[in-house]
Amino acid sequence: MINLFLRATELLSQKQCIYCRLTYGDDRISLEAIISGDRSLETVSAFDELLFVSSCLGGSLSIHVVNQKAVQVLLIVPYPNCALDSRVRVHCRSSVLQLAFTHLAYLAGLSVSTFCDPAIPLLTDDLEQIHSSDCVLWIASNQSTPKDVKANLDLSTSPGQLRDAIETVLQGKTWGIEPQEPQLSDREQEIMTRLAQGMRDREIAHELHISESTIKFHMNNVLTKLRAKTRGVAERCYEFAPQPPILGDFKSSEVPQNGGFRGLPRVQRLNDSYLYSATPDSLPGALSSRGQSMDLETA
């Protein structure tokens, strides 16, 4: 902001300024000047650079021809009181985003710093930059939100929301980030898949070449992640087949011990019953091959 007014005074001195007044208000700084001579077009073009910078700061620059011998220049820049540590850093991969969020930071009453300090909040969409600050505000893009970022921003974020986000992350909290459900590890998914196929702990341990105590360890983690009290509840929560077209319910006594019904993979075990998934085309052949009958319901 200081550089803007210094540059304005340099341009005014070059244009034979005969009057200049700098006013500090409660919420803005105003620079009013009068240039002698009928050179309105030259004056407008000379102040183009100030027009761009002042707009980025949320201000305005107006030039009026008072009469044939004078041109009035009025530069206004908001100067909001800010109790926060008002420095932020903006680093975007796209020059358009860089300009947009730099402008947004100025509108929010924040100063944009180029100094790489981990204590300064960082607005970025660059994965390579997220470890350069302790307070990263992620600018949403096609990429998923990285871990350890403190806030989620996008192009609809308002200046007030940005200030609120900065204040929140400086307090050690998150802003605009929905809590994500814990994901099962690859090993946990392997175990749950085999449990859904009706295998016992000993069989799973033998097949995966791990001990039964390791199976129990992973199952405790699964129960915690799925917020389940028992294995049966955990198996119900685990989606082995996300979109089964048709489900059939069979008693365990009706299920062949090796292979199940042809064309119907076993996808879930509910107490003493098993759920099978099939498509309408594969179902009749699978039933006729075993001579079984069952009641079907649409998923």
C-alpha atoms as a PDB file:
ATOM      1  CA  MET A   1       0.000   0.000   0.000  1.00  0.00           C
ATOM      2  CA  ILE A   2       2.845   2.394   0.843  1.00  0.00           C
ATOM      3  CA  ASN A   3       4.498   1.681  -2.514  1.00  0.00           C
ATOM      4  CA  LEU A   4       1.236   2.468  -4.273  1.00  0.00           C
ATOM      5  CA  PHE A   5       1.036   5.968  -2.796  1.00  0.00           C
ATOM      6  CA  LEU A   6       4.753   6.581  -3.358  1.00  0.00           C
ATOM      7  CA  ARG A   7       4.337   5.680  -7.016  1.00  0.00           C
ATOM      8  CA  ALA A   8       1.266   7.919  -7.229  1.00  0.00           C
ATOM      9  CA  THR A   9       3.227  10.914  -5.928  1.00  0.00           C
ATOM     10  CA  GLU A  10       6.028  10.226  -8.433  1.00  0.00           C
ATOM     11  CA  LEU A  11       3.555  10.255 -11.323  1.00  0.00           C
ATOM     12  CA  LEU A  12       1.846  13.395 -10.009  1.00  0.00           C
ATOM     13  CA  SER A  13       5.145  15.267  -9.792  1.00  0.00           C
ATOM     14  CA  GLN A  14       5.851  14.337 -13.415  1.00  0.00           C
ATOM     15  CA  LYS A  15       2.465  15.720 -14.496  1.00  0.00           C
ATOM     16  CA  GLN A  16       2.814  19.195 -12.940  1.00  0.00           C
ATOM     17  CA  CYS A  17       0.605  18.592  -9.914  1.00  0.00           C
ATOM     18  CA  ILE A  18      -0.547  21.909  -8.406  1.00  0.00           C
ATOM     19  CA  TYR A  19      -2.525  20.492  -5.494  1.00  0.00           C
ATOM     20  CA  CYS A  20      -2.282  17.262  -3.458  1.00  0.00           C
ATOM     21  CA  ARG A  21      -3.901  16.136  -0.228  1.00  0.00           C
ATOM     22  CA  LEU A  22      -3.526  12.826   1.626  1.00  0.00           C
ATOM     23  CA  THR A  23      -6.324  11.962   4.064  1.00  0.00           C
ATOM     24  CA  TYR A  24      -6.406   9.166   6.635  1.00  0.00           C
ATOM     25  CA  GLY A  25      -9.925   8.039   7.505  1.00  0.00           C
ATOM     26  CA  ASP A  26     -11.215   5.357   9.848  1.00  0.00           C
ATOM     27  CA  ASP A  27     -11.504   2.818   7.059  1.00  0.00           C
ATOM     28  CA  ARG A  28      -9.596   4.239   4.090  1.00  0.00           C
ATOM     29  CA  ILE A  29      -6.758   6.422   2.827  1.00  0.00           C
ATOM     30  CA  SER A  30      -7.522   9.000   0.145  1.00  0.00           C
ATOM     31  CA  LEU A  31      -5.146  10.864  -2.137  1.00  0.00           C
ATOM     32  CA  GLU A  32      -6.681  13.798  -3.996  1.00  0.00           C
ATOM     33  CA  ALA A  33      -4.685  15.766  -6.552  1.00  0.00           C
ATOM     34  CA  ILE A  34      -5.167  18.330  -9.324  1.00  0.00           C
ATOM     35  CA  ILE A  35      -2.995  18.449 -12.426  1.00  0.00           C
ATOM     36  CA  SER A  36      -2.836  21.576 -14.509  1.00  0.00           C
ATOM     37  CA  GLY A  37      -3.234  21.594 -18.278  1.00  0.00           C
ATOM     38  CA  ASP A  38      -5.581  19.924 -20.760  1.00  0.00           C
ATOM     39  CA  ARG A  39      -3.906  16.497 -20.868  1.00  0.00           C
ATOM     40  CA  SER A  40      -6.716  14.196 -19.747  1.00  0.00           C
ATOM     41  CA  LEU A  41      -5.884  11.328 -22.138  1.00  0.00           C
ATOM     42  CA  GLU A  42      -2.211  11.405 -21.215  1.00  0.00           C
ATOM     43  CA  THR A  43      -3.102  11.452 -17.527  1.00  0.00           C
ATOM     44  CA  VAL A  44      -5.420   8.462 -17.795  1.00  0.00           C
ATOM     45  CA  SER A  45      -2.844   6.330 -19.610  1.00  0.00           C
ATOM     46  CA  ALA A  46      -0.102   7.342 -17.168  1.00  0.00           C
ATOM     47  CA  PHE A  47      -2.140   6.112 -14.208  1.00  0.00           C
ATOM     48  CA  ASP A  48      -3.109   2.744 -15.725  1.00  0.00           C
ATOM     49  CA  GLU A  49      -0.645   0.869 -13.500  1.00  0.00           C
ATOM     50  CA  LEU A  50      -2.134   2.467 -10.382  1.00  0.00           C
ATOM     51  CA  LEU A  51      -5.639   1.498 -11.487  1.00  0.00           C
ATOM     52  CA  PHE A  52      -4.678  -2.177 -11.559  1.00  0.00           C
ATOM     53  CA  VAL A  53      -2.885  -2.145  -8.189  1.00  0.00           C
ATOM     54  CA  SER A  54      -5.593  -0.144  -6.440  1.00  0.00           C
ATOM     55  CA  SER A  55      -8.277  -2.575  -7.666  1.00  0.00           C
ATOM     56  CA  CYS A  56      -6.229  -5.491  -6.275  1.00  0.00           C
ATOM     57  CA  LEU A  57      -6.217  -3.700  -2.919  1.00  0.00           C
ATOM     58  CA  GLY A  58      -9.987  -3.249  -3.055  1.00  0.00           C
ATOM     59  CA  GLY A  59      -9.682   0.447  -3.812  1.00  0.00           C
ATOM     60  CA  SER A  60     -10.491   2.728  -6.718  1.00  0.00           C
ATOM     61  CA  LEU A  61      -8.873   5.340  -8.935  1.00  0.00           C
ATOM     62  CA  SER A  62     -10.945   8.006 -10.638  1.00  0.00           C
ATOM     63  CA  ILE A  63      -9.833  10.762 -13.005  1.00  0.00           C
ATOM     64  CA  HIS A  64     -12.119  13.697 -13.853  1.00  0.00           C
ATOM     65  CA  VAL A  65     -11.632  16.653 -16.141  1.00  0.00           C
ATOM     66  CA  VAL A  66     -12.552  19.665 -13.999  1.00  0.00           C
ATOM     67  CA  ASN A  67     -12.278  22.176 -16.839  1.00  0.00           C
ATOM     68  CA  GLN A  68     -10.135  22.724 -19.881  1.00  0.00           C
ATOM     69  CA  LYS A  69      -7.116  23.530 -17.699  1.00  0.00           C
ATOM     70  CA  ALA A  70      -7.289  20.988 -14.846  1.00  0.00           C
ATOM     71  CA  VAL A  71      -7.651  17.254 -14.199  1.00  0.00           C
ATOM     72  CA  GLN A  72      -8.643  15.807 -10.817  1.00  0.00           C
ATOM     73  CA  VAL A  73      -7.177  12.491  -9.616  1.00  0.00           C
ATOM     74  CA  LEU A  74      -8.710  10.654  -6.664  1.00  0.00           C
ATOM     75  CA  LEU A  75      -7.110   7.484  -5.295  1.00  0.00           C
ATOM     76  CA  ILE A  76      -8.945   5.615  -2.506  1.00  0.00           C
ATOM     77  CA  VAL A  77      -7.704   2.477  -0.788  1.00  0.00           C
ATOM     78  CA  PRO A  78      -9.498   0.768   2.126  1.00  0.00           C
ATOM     79  CA  TYR A  79      -7.496   0.502   5.303  1.00  0.00           C
ATOM     80  CA  PRO A  80      -9.394  -1.930   7.580  1.00  0.00           C
ATOM     81  CA  ASN A  81      -8.329  -2.448  11.155  1.00  0.00           C
ATOM     82  CA  CYS A  82      -7.139  -6.045  11.525  1.00  0.00           C
ATOM     83  CA  ALA A  83      -6.373  -7.684  14.848  1.00  0.00           C
ATOM     84  CA  LEU A  84      -4.924 -10.752  13.138  1.00  0.00           C
ATOM     85  CA  ASP A  85      -1.393 -11.395  12.050  1.00  0.00           C
ATOM     86  CA  SER A  86      -2.370 -10.014   8.650  1.00  0.00           C
ATOM     87  CA  ARG A  87       0.411 -11.564   6.562  1.00  0.00           C
ATOM     88  CA  VAL A  88      -0.392 -14.370   4.126  1.00  0.00           C
ATOM     89  CA  ARG A  89       1.510 -15.985   1.301  1.00  0.00           C
ATOM     90  CA  VAL A  90      -0.077 -16.936  -2.029  1.00  0.00           C
ATOM     91  CA  HIS A  91       1.503 -19.533  -4.301  1.00  0.00           C
ATOM     92  CA  CYS A  92      -0.642 -20.891  -7.144  1.00  0.00           C
ATOM     93  CA  ARG A  93       0.367 -22.910 -10.180  1.00  0.00           C
ATOM     94  CA  SER A  94      -1.825 -20.798 -12.434  1.00  0.00           C
ATOM     95  CA  SER A  95      -1.129 -17.081 -12.891  1.00  0.00           C
ATOM     96  CA  VAL A  96      -4.889 -16.485 -13.049  1.00  0.00           C
ATOM     97  CA  LEU A  97      -5.444 -18.122  -9.657  1.00  0.00           C
ATOM     98  CA  GLN A  98      -2.414 -16.294  -8.289  1.00  0.00           C
ATOM     99  CA  LEU A  99      -3.937 -12.964  -9.266  1.00  0.00           C
ATOM    100  CA  ALA A 100      -7.440 -13.921  -8.068  1.00  0.00           C
ATOM    101  CA  PHE A 101      -6.384 -14.998  -4.582  1.00  0.00           C
ATOM    102  CA  THR A 102      -3.881 -12.166  -4.221  1.00  0.00           C
ATOM    103  CA  HIS A 103      -6.754  -9.804  -4.951  1.00  0.00           C
ATOM    104  CA  LEU A 104      -8.959 -11.706  -2.489  1.00  0.00           C
ATOM    105  CA  ALA A 105      -6.309 -11.406   0.229  1.00  0.00           C
ATOM    106  CA  TYR A 106      -6.097  -7.659  -0.264  1.00  0.00           C
ATOM    107  CA  LEU A 107      -9.881  -7.338  -0.171  1.00  0.00           C
ATOM    108  CA  ALA A 108      -9.822  -9.231   3.141  1.00  0.00           C
ATOM    109  CA  GLY A 109      -7.438  -6.657   4.582  1.00  0.00           C
ATOM    110  CA  LEU A 110      -4.447  -8.990   4.525  1.00  0.00           C
ATOM    111  CA  SER A 111      -0.949  -8.201   3.322  1.00  0.00           C
ATOM    112  CA  VAL A 112       0.614 -10.596   0.842  1.00  0.00           C
ATOM    113  CA  SER A 113       4.113 -11.668   1.798  1.00  0.00           C
ATOM    114  CA  THR A 114       6.766 -13.152  -0.455  1.00  0.00           C
ATOM    115  CA  PHE A 115       8.868 -14.294   2.490  1.00  0.00           C
ATOM    116  CA  CYS A 116       8.823 -18.069   2.972  1.00  0.00           C
ATOM    117  CA  ASP A 117       8.116 -18.364   6.697  1.00  0.00           C
ATOM    118  CA  PRO A 118       6.375 -21.512   8.065  1.00  0.00           C
ATOM    119  CA  ALA A 119       4.481 -19.308  10.519  1.00  0.00           C
ATOM    120  CA  ILE A 120       2.809 -17.352   7.692  1.00  0.00           C
ATOM    121  CA  PRO A 121      -0.445 -18.922   6.413  1.00  0.00           C
ATOM    122  CA  LEU A 122      -0.125 -20.181   2.844  1.00  0.00           C
ATOM    123  CA  LEU A 123      -2.823 -20.178   0.157  1.00  0.00           C
ATOM    124  CA  THR A 124      -1.879 -22.713  -2.496  1.00  0.00           C
ATOM    125  CA  ASP A 125      -2.976 -25.391  -4.937  1.00  0.00           C
ATOM    126  CA  ASP A 126       0.568 -26.722  -5.341  1.00  0.00           C
ATOM    127  CA  LEU A 127       1.339 -30.029  -3.626  1.00  0.00           C
ATOM    128  CA  GLU A 128       5.030 -29.192  -3.570  1.00  0.00           C
ATOM    129  CA  GLN A 129       4.364 -26.156  -1.369  1.00  0.00           C
ATOM    130  CA  ILE A 130       2.245 -27.676   1.393  1.00  0.00           C
ATOM    131  CA  HIS A 131       5.243 -28.525   3.569  1.00  0.00           C
ATOM    132  CA  SER A 132       6.571 -24.962   3.482  1.00  0.00           C
ATOM    133  CA  SER A 133       3.964 -23.664   5.944  1.00  0.00           C
ATOM    134  CA  ASP A 134       2.423 -24.826   9.209  1.00  0.00           C
ATOM    135  CA  CYS A 135      -0.935 -23.322   8.165  1.00  0.00           C
ATOM    136  CA  VAL A 136      -1.876 -24.371   4.638  1.00  0.00           C
ATOM    137  CA  LEU A 137      -5.173 -23.193   3.160  1.00  0.00           C
ATOM    138  CA  TRP A 138      -5.806 -25.451   0.170  1.00  0.00           C
ATOM    139  CA  ILE A 139      -7.323 -23.986  -2.972  1.00  0.00           C
ATOM    140  CA  ALA A 140      -9.690 -26.628  -4.324  1.00  0.00           C
ATOM    141  CA  SER A 141      -8.946 -27.978  -7.800  1.00  0.00           C
ATOM    142  CA  ASN A 142      -9.219 -31.304  -9.611  1.00  0.00           C
ATOM    143  CA  GLN A 143      -6.900 -32.844  -7.036  1.00  0.00           C
ATOM    144  CA  SER A 144      -8.191 -34.317  -3.810  1.00  0.00           C
ATOM    145  CA  THR A 145      -7.562 -32.385  -0.614  1.00  0.00           C
ATOM    146  CA  PRO A 146      -4.140 -33.336   0.765  1.00  0.00           C
ATOM    147  CA  LYS A 147      -3.663 -34.439   4.336  1.00  0.00           C
ATOM    148  CA  ASP A 148      -2.618 -31.942   7.008  1.00  0.00           C
ATOM    149  CA  VAL A 149      -4.073 -28.878   5.264  1.00  0.00           C
ATOM    150  CA  LYS A 150      -5.973 -26.591   7.606  1.00  0.00           C
ATOM    151  CA  ALA A 151      -8.650 -25.147   5.319  1.00  0.00           C
ATOM    152  CA  ASN A 152     -10.395 -25.598   1.988  1.00  0.00           C
ATOM    153  CA  LEU A 153     -10.928 -22.573  -0.265  1.00  0.00           C
ATOM    154  CA  ASP A 154     -12.317 -22.075  -3.761  1.00  0.00           C
ATOM    155  CA  LEU A 155     -13.214 -19.259  -6.136  1.00  0.00           C
ATOM    156  CA  SER A 156     -16.508 -18.679  -4.319  1.00  0.00           C
ATOM    157  CA  THR A 157     -14.712 -17.788  -1.068  1.00  0.00           C
ATOM    158  CA  SER A 158     -15.518 -14.225   0.004  1.00  0.00           C
ATOM    159  CA  PRO A 159     -13.076 -11.807   1.689  1.00  0.00           C
ATOM    160  CA  GLY A 160     -14.920 -12.239   4.977  1.00  0.00           C
ATOM    161  CA  GLN A 161     -14.712 -16.012   4.711  1.00  0.00           C
ATOM    162  CA  LEU A 162     -10.983 -15.801   3.993  1.00  0.00           C
ATOM    163  CA  ARG A 163     -10.421 -13.685   7.104  1.00  0.00           C
ATOM    164  CA  ASP A 164     -12.468 -16.164   9.125  1.00  0.00           C
ATOM    165  CA  ALA A 165     -10.458 -19.065   7.684  1.00  0.00           C
ATOM    166  CA  ILE A 166      -7.153 -17.365   8.528  1.00  0.00           C
ATOM    167  CA  GLU A 167      -8.317 -16.632  12.071  1.00  0.00           C
ATOM    168  CA  THR A 168      -9.483 -20.236  12.518  1.00  0.00           C
ATOM    169  CA  VAL A 169      -6.292 -21.921  11.285  1.00  0.00           C
ATOM    170  CA  LEU A 170      -4.123 -19.606  13.391  1.00  0.00           C
ATOM    171  CA  GLN A 171      -6.027 -20.957  16.395  1.00  0.00           C
ATOM    172  CA  GLY A 172      -4.992 -24.484  15.432  1.00  0.00           C
ATOM    173  CA  LYS A 173      -8.404 -25.479  14.055  1.00  0.00           C
ATOM    174  CA  THR A 174      -9.607 -26.456  10.586  1.00  0.00           C
ATOM    175  CA  TRP A 175     -11.963 -24.513   8.334  1.00  0.00           C
ATOM    176  CA  GLY A 176     -14.155 -25.825   5.516  1.00  0.00           C
ATOM    177  CA  ILE A 177     -12.852 -29.383   5.782  1.00  0.00           C
ATOM    178  CA  GLU A 178     -15.382 -32.146   6.323  1.00  0.00           C
ATOM    179  CA  PRO A 179     -14.120 -35.020   8.475  1.00  0.00           C
ATOM    180  CA  GLN A 180     -13.297 -38.038   6.353  1.00  0.00           C
ATOM    181  CA  GLU A 181     -14.253 -41.549   7.299  1.00  0.00           C
ATOM    182  CA  PRO A 182     -11.213 -43.687   8.142  1.00  0.00           C
ATOM    183  CA  GLN A 183     -10.269 -46.033   5.319  1.00  0.00           C
ATOM    184  CA  LEU A 184      -9.432 -49.704   5.758  1.00  0.00           C
ATOM    185  CA  SER A 185      -5.870 -50.661   4.907  1.00  0.00           C
ATOM    186  CA  ASP A 186      -5.121 -53.177   2.171  1.00  0.00           C
ATOM    187  CA  ARG A 187      -4.496 -55.909   4.765  1.00  0.00           C
ATOM    188  CA  GLU A 188      -7.721 -55.101   6.600  1.00  0.00           C
ATOM    189  CA  GLN A 189      -9.644 -55.284   3.340  1.00  0.00           C
ATOM    190  CA  GLU A 190      -8.054 -58.661   2.570  1.00  0.00           C
ATOM    191  CA  ILE A 191      -9.179 -59.981   5.935  1.00  0.00           C
ATOM    192  CA  MET A 192     -12.702 -58.565   5.634  1.00  0.00           C
ATOM    193  CA  THR A 193     -13.062 -59.979   2.141  1.00  0.00           C
ATOM    194  CA  ARG A 194     -12.202 -63.479   3.392  1.00  0.00           C
ATOM    195  CA  LEU A 195     -14.476 -63.136   6.407  1.00  0.00           C
ATOM    196  CA  ALA A 196     -17.276 -62.214   4.023  1.00  0.00           C
ATOM    197  CA  GLN A 197     -16.496 -65.427   2.134  1.00  0.00           C
ATOM    198  CA  GLY A 198     -17.095 -67.402   5.313  1.00  0.00           C
ATOM    199  CA  MET A 199     -13.485 -68.174   6.182  1.00  0.00           C
ATOM    200  CA  ARG A 200     -12.365 -68.561   9.794  1.00  0.00           C
ATOM    201  CA  ASP A 201      -9.429 -66.800  11.424  1.00  0.00           C
ATOM    202  CA  ARG A 202      -7.224 -69.895  11.169  1.00  0.00           C
ATOM    203  CA  GLU A 203      -7.942 -70.273   7.452  1.00  0.00           C
ATOM    204  CA  ILE A 204      -7.291 -66.589   6.803  1.00  0.00           C
ATOM    205  CA  ALA A 205      -4.047 -66.666   8.774  1.00  0.00           C
ATOM    206  CA  HIS A 206      -2.855 -69.704   6.811  1.00  0.00           C
ATOM    207  CA  GLU A 207      -3.740 -68.158   3.456  1.00  0.00           C
ATOM    208  CA  LEU A 208      -2.176 -64.768   4.223  1.00  0.00           C
ATOM    209  CA  HIS A 209       0.824 -66.274   6.033  1.00  0.00           C
ATOM    210  CA  ILE A 210       0.211 -64.352   9.241  1.00  0.00           C
ATOM    211  CA  SER A 211      -0.664 -65.378  12.786  1.00  0.00           C
ATOM    212  CA  GLU A 212      -4.172 -65.493  14.269  1.00  0.00           C
ATOM    213  CA  SER A 213      -3.163 -62.825  16.783  1.00  0.00           C
ATOM    214  CA  THR A 214      -2.352 -60.550  13.841  1.00  0.00           C
ATOM    215  CA  ILE A 215      -5.816 -61.252  12.462  1.00  0.00           C
ATOM    216  CA  LYS A 216      -7.334 -60.170  15.781  1.00  0.00           C
ATOM    217  CA  PHE A 217      -5.149 -57.053  15.825  1.00  0.00           C
ATOM    218  CA  HIS A 218      -6.388 -55.998  12.387  1.00  0.00           C
ATOM    219  CA  MET A 219      -9.976 -56.810  13.309  1.00  0.00           C
ATOM    220  CA  ASN A 220      -9.759 -54.538  16.352  1.00  0.00           C
ATOM    221  CA  ASN A 221      -8.662 -51.747  14.012  1.00  0.00           C
ATOM    222  CA  VAL A 222     -11.543 -52.559  11.666  1.00  0.00           C
ATOM    223  CA  LEU A 223     -14.066 -52.416  14.515  1.00  0.00           C
ATOM    224  CA  THR A 224     -12.714 -49.022  15.542  1.00  0.00           C
ATOM    225  CA  LYS A 225     -12.766 -47.592  12.014  1.00  0.00           C
ATOM    226  CA  LEU A 226     -16.235 -48.902  11.231  1.00  0.00           C
ATOM    227  CA  ARG A 227     -17.515 -48.006  14.719  1.00  0.00           C
ATOM    228  CA  ALA A 228     -18.786 -51.521  15.134  1.00  0.00           C
ATOM    229  CA  LYS A 229     -19.112 -53.397  18.437  1.00  0.00           C
ATOM    230  CA  THR A 230     -18.982 -56.895  16.982  1.00  0.00           C
ATOM    231  CA  ARG A 231     -17.578 -58.646  13.942  1.00  0.00           C
ATOM    232  CA  GLY A 232     -21.082 -59.316  12.657  1.00  0.00           C
ATOM    233  CA  VAL A 233     -21.840 -55.607  12.622  1.00  0.00           C
ATOM    234  CA  ALA A 234     -18.500 -54.901  10.962  1.00  0.00           C
ATOM    235  CA  GLU A 235     -19.235 -57.426   8.217  1.00  0.00           C
ATOM    236  CA  ARG A 236     -22.575 -55.749   7.560  1.00  0.00           C
ATOM    237  CA  CYS A 237     -20.855 -52.360   7.269  1.00  0.00           C
ATOM    238  CA  TYR A 238     -18.178 -53.615   4.936  1.00  0.00           C
ATOM    239  CA  GLU A 239     -19.231 -53.320   1.304  1.00  0.00           C
ATOM    240  CA  PHE A 240     -17.646 -56.142  -0.559  1.00  0.00           C
ATOM    241  CA  ALA A 241     -20.043 -55.695  -3.477  1.00  0.00           C
ATOM    242  CA  PRO A 242     -21.002 -51.991  -3.685  1.00  0.00           C
ATOM    243  CA  GLN A 243     -23.818 -52.380  -6.258  1.00  0.00           C
ATOM    244  CA  PRO A 244     -25.174 -55.916  -6.396  1.00  0.00           C
ATOM    245  CA  PRO A 245     -28.105 -55.997  -8.843  1.00  0.00           C
ATOM    246  CA  ILE A 246     -29.958 -58.843  -7.129  1.00  0.00           C
ATOM    247  CA  LEU A 247     -29.483 -60.409  -3.733  1.00  0.00           C
ATOM    248  CA  GLY A 248     -30.499 -63.882  -2.633  1.00  0.00           C
ATOM    249  CA  ASP A 249     -30.642 -65.134   0.949  1.00  0.00           C
ATOM    250  CA  PHE A 250     -29.561 -68.734   1.629  1.00  0.00           C
ATOM    251  CA  LYS A 251     -29.245 -70.658   4.857  1.00  0.00           C
ATOM    252  CA  SER A 252     -25.777 -71.938   5.585  1.00  0.00           C
ATOM    253  CA  SER A 253     -27.046 -75.531   5.430  1.00  0.00           C
ATOM    254  CA  GLU A 254     -28.063 -74.971   1.784  1.00  0.00           C
ATOM    255  CA  VAL A 255     -24.689 -73.573   0.722  1.00  0.00           C
ATOM    256  CA  PRO A 256     -22.271 -76.071  -0.839  1.00  0.00           C
ATOM    257  CA  GLN A 257     -19.004 -76.200   1.033  1.00  0.00           C
ATOM    258  CA  ASN A 258     -16.830 -75.770  -2.058  1.00  0.00           C
ATOM    259  CA  GLY A 259     -17.641 -73.181  -4.643  1.00  0.00           C
ATOM    260  CA  GLY A 260     -21.216 -72.129  -3.912  1.00  0.00           C
ATOM    261  CA  PHE A 261     -23.763 -71.720  -6.679  1.00  0.00           C
ATOM    262  CA  ARG A 262     -22.280 -71.447 -10.138  1.00  0.00           C
ATOM    263  CA  GLY A 263     -22.240 -67.857 -11.347  1.00  0.00           C
ATOM    264  CA  LEU A 264     -23.253 -66.480  -7.920  1.00  0.00           C
ATOM    265  CA  PRO A 265     -20.225 -65.232  -5.971  1.00  0.00           C
ATOM    266  CA  ARG A 266     -20.700 -65.164  -2.228  1.00  0.00           C
ATOM    267  CA  VAL A 267     -20.393 -61.519  -1.162  1.00  0.00           C
ATOM    268  CA  GLN A 268     -21.611 -61.273   2.422  1.00  0.00           C
ATOM    269  CA  ARG A 269     -22.320 -63.381   5.459  1.00  0.00           C
ATOM    270  CA  LEU A 270     -25.120 -62.349   7.806  1.00  0.00           C
ATOM    271  CA  ASN A 271     -25.179 -64.536  10.926  1.00  0.00           C
ATOM    272  CA  ASP A 272     -26.022 -68.014   9.537  1.00  0.00           C
ATOM    273  CA  SER A 273     -27.107 -66.728   6.135  1.00  0.00           C
ATOM    274  CA  TYR A 274     -25.167 -65.799   3.024  1.00  0.00           C
ATOM    275  CA  LEU A 275     -25.865 -63.175   0.417  1.00  0.00           C
ATOM    276  CA  TYR A 276     -25.189 -63.940  -3.233  1.00  0.00           C
ATOM    277  CA  SER A 277     -24.968 -61.467  -6.071  1.00  0.00           C
ATOM    278  CA  ALA A 278     -26.195 -62.163  -9.567  1.00  0.00           C
ATOM    279  CA  THR A 279     -27.430 -60.498 -12.702  1.00  0.00           C
ATOM    280  CA  PRO A 280     -30.837 -61.429 -14.142  1.00  0.00           C
ATOM    281  CA  ASP A 281     -29.134 -63.192 -17.075  1.00  0.00           C
ATOM    282  CA  SER A 282     -26.849 -65.378 -14.975  1.00  0.00           C
ATOM    283  CA  LEU A 283     -29.358 -66.255 -12.269  1.00  0.00           C
ATOM    284  CA  PRO A 284     -31.547 -68.904 -14.011  1.00  0.00           C
ATOM    285  CA  GLY A 285     -28.561 -70.947 -15.183  1.00  0.00           C
ATOM    286  CA  ALA A 286     -26.967 -70.836 -11.776  1.00  0.00           C
ATOM    287  CA  LEU A 287     -30.135 -72.095 -10.082  1.00  0.00           C
ATOM    288  CA  SER A 288     -30.876 -74.862 -12.574  1.00  0.00           C
ATOM    289  CA  SER A 289     -27.338 -76.186 -12.317  1.00  0.00           C
ATOM    290  CA  ARG A 290     -27.804 -76.883  -8.608  1.00  0.00           C
ATOM    291  CA  GLY A 291     -31.498 -77.554  -8.514  1.00  0.00           C
ATOM    292  CA  GLN A 292     -31.956 -74.984  -5.811  1.00  0.00           C
ATOM    293  CA  SER A 293     -34.816 -72.552  -5.346  1.00  0.00           C
ATOM    294  CA  MET A 294     -34.796 -69.281  -3.474  1.00  0.00           C
ATOM    295  CA  ASP A 295     -36.646 -66.061  -2.828  1.00  0.00           C
ATOM    296  CA  LEU A 296     -35.150 -62.980  -4.457  1.00  0.00           C
ATOM    297  CA  GLU A 297     -35.457 -59.358  -3.611  1.00  0.00           C
ATOM    298  CA  THR A 298     -34.251 -56.340  -5.567  1.00  0.00           C
ATOM    299  CA  ALA A 299     -31.364 -54.460  -3.959  1.00  0.00           C
END
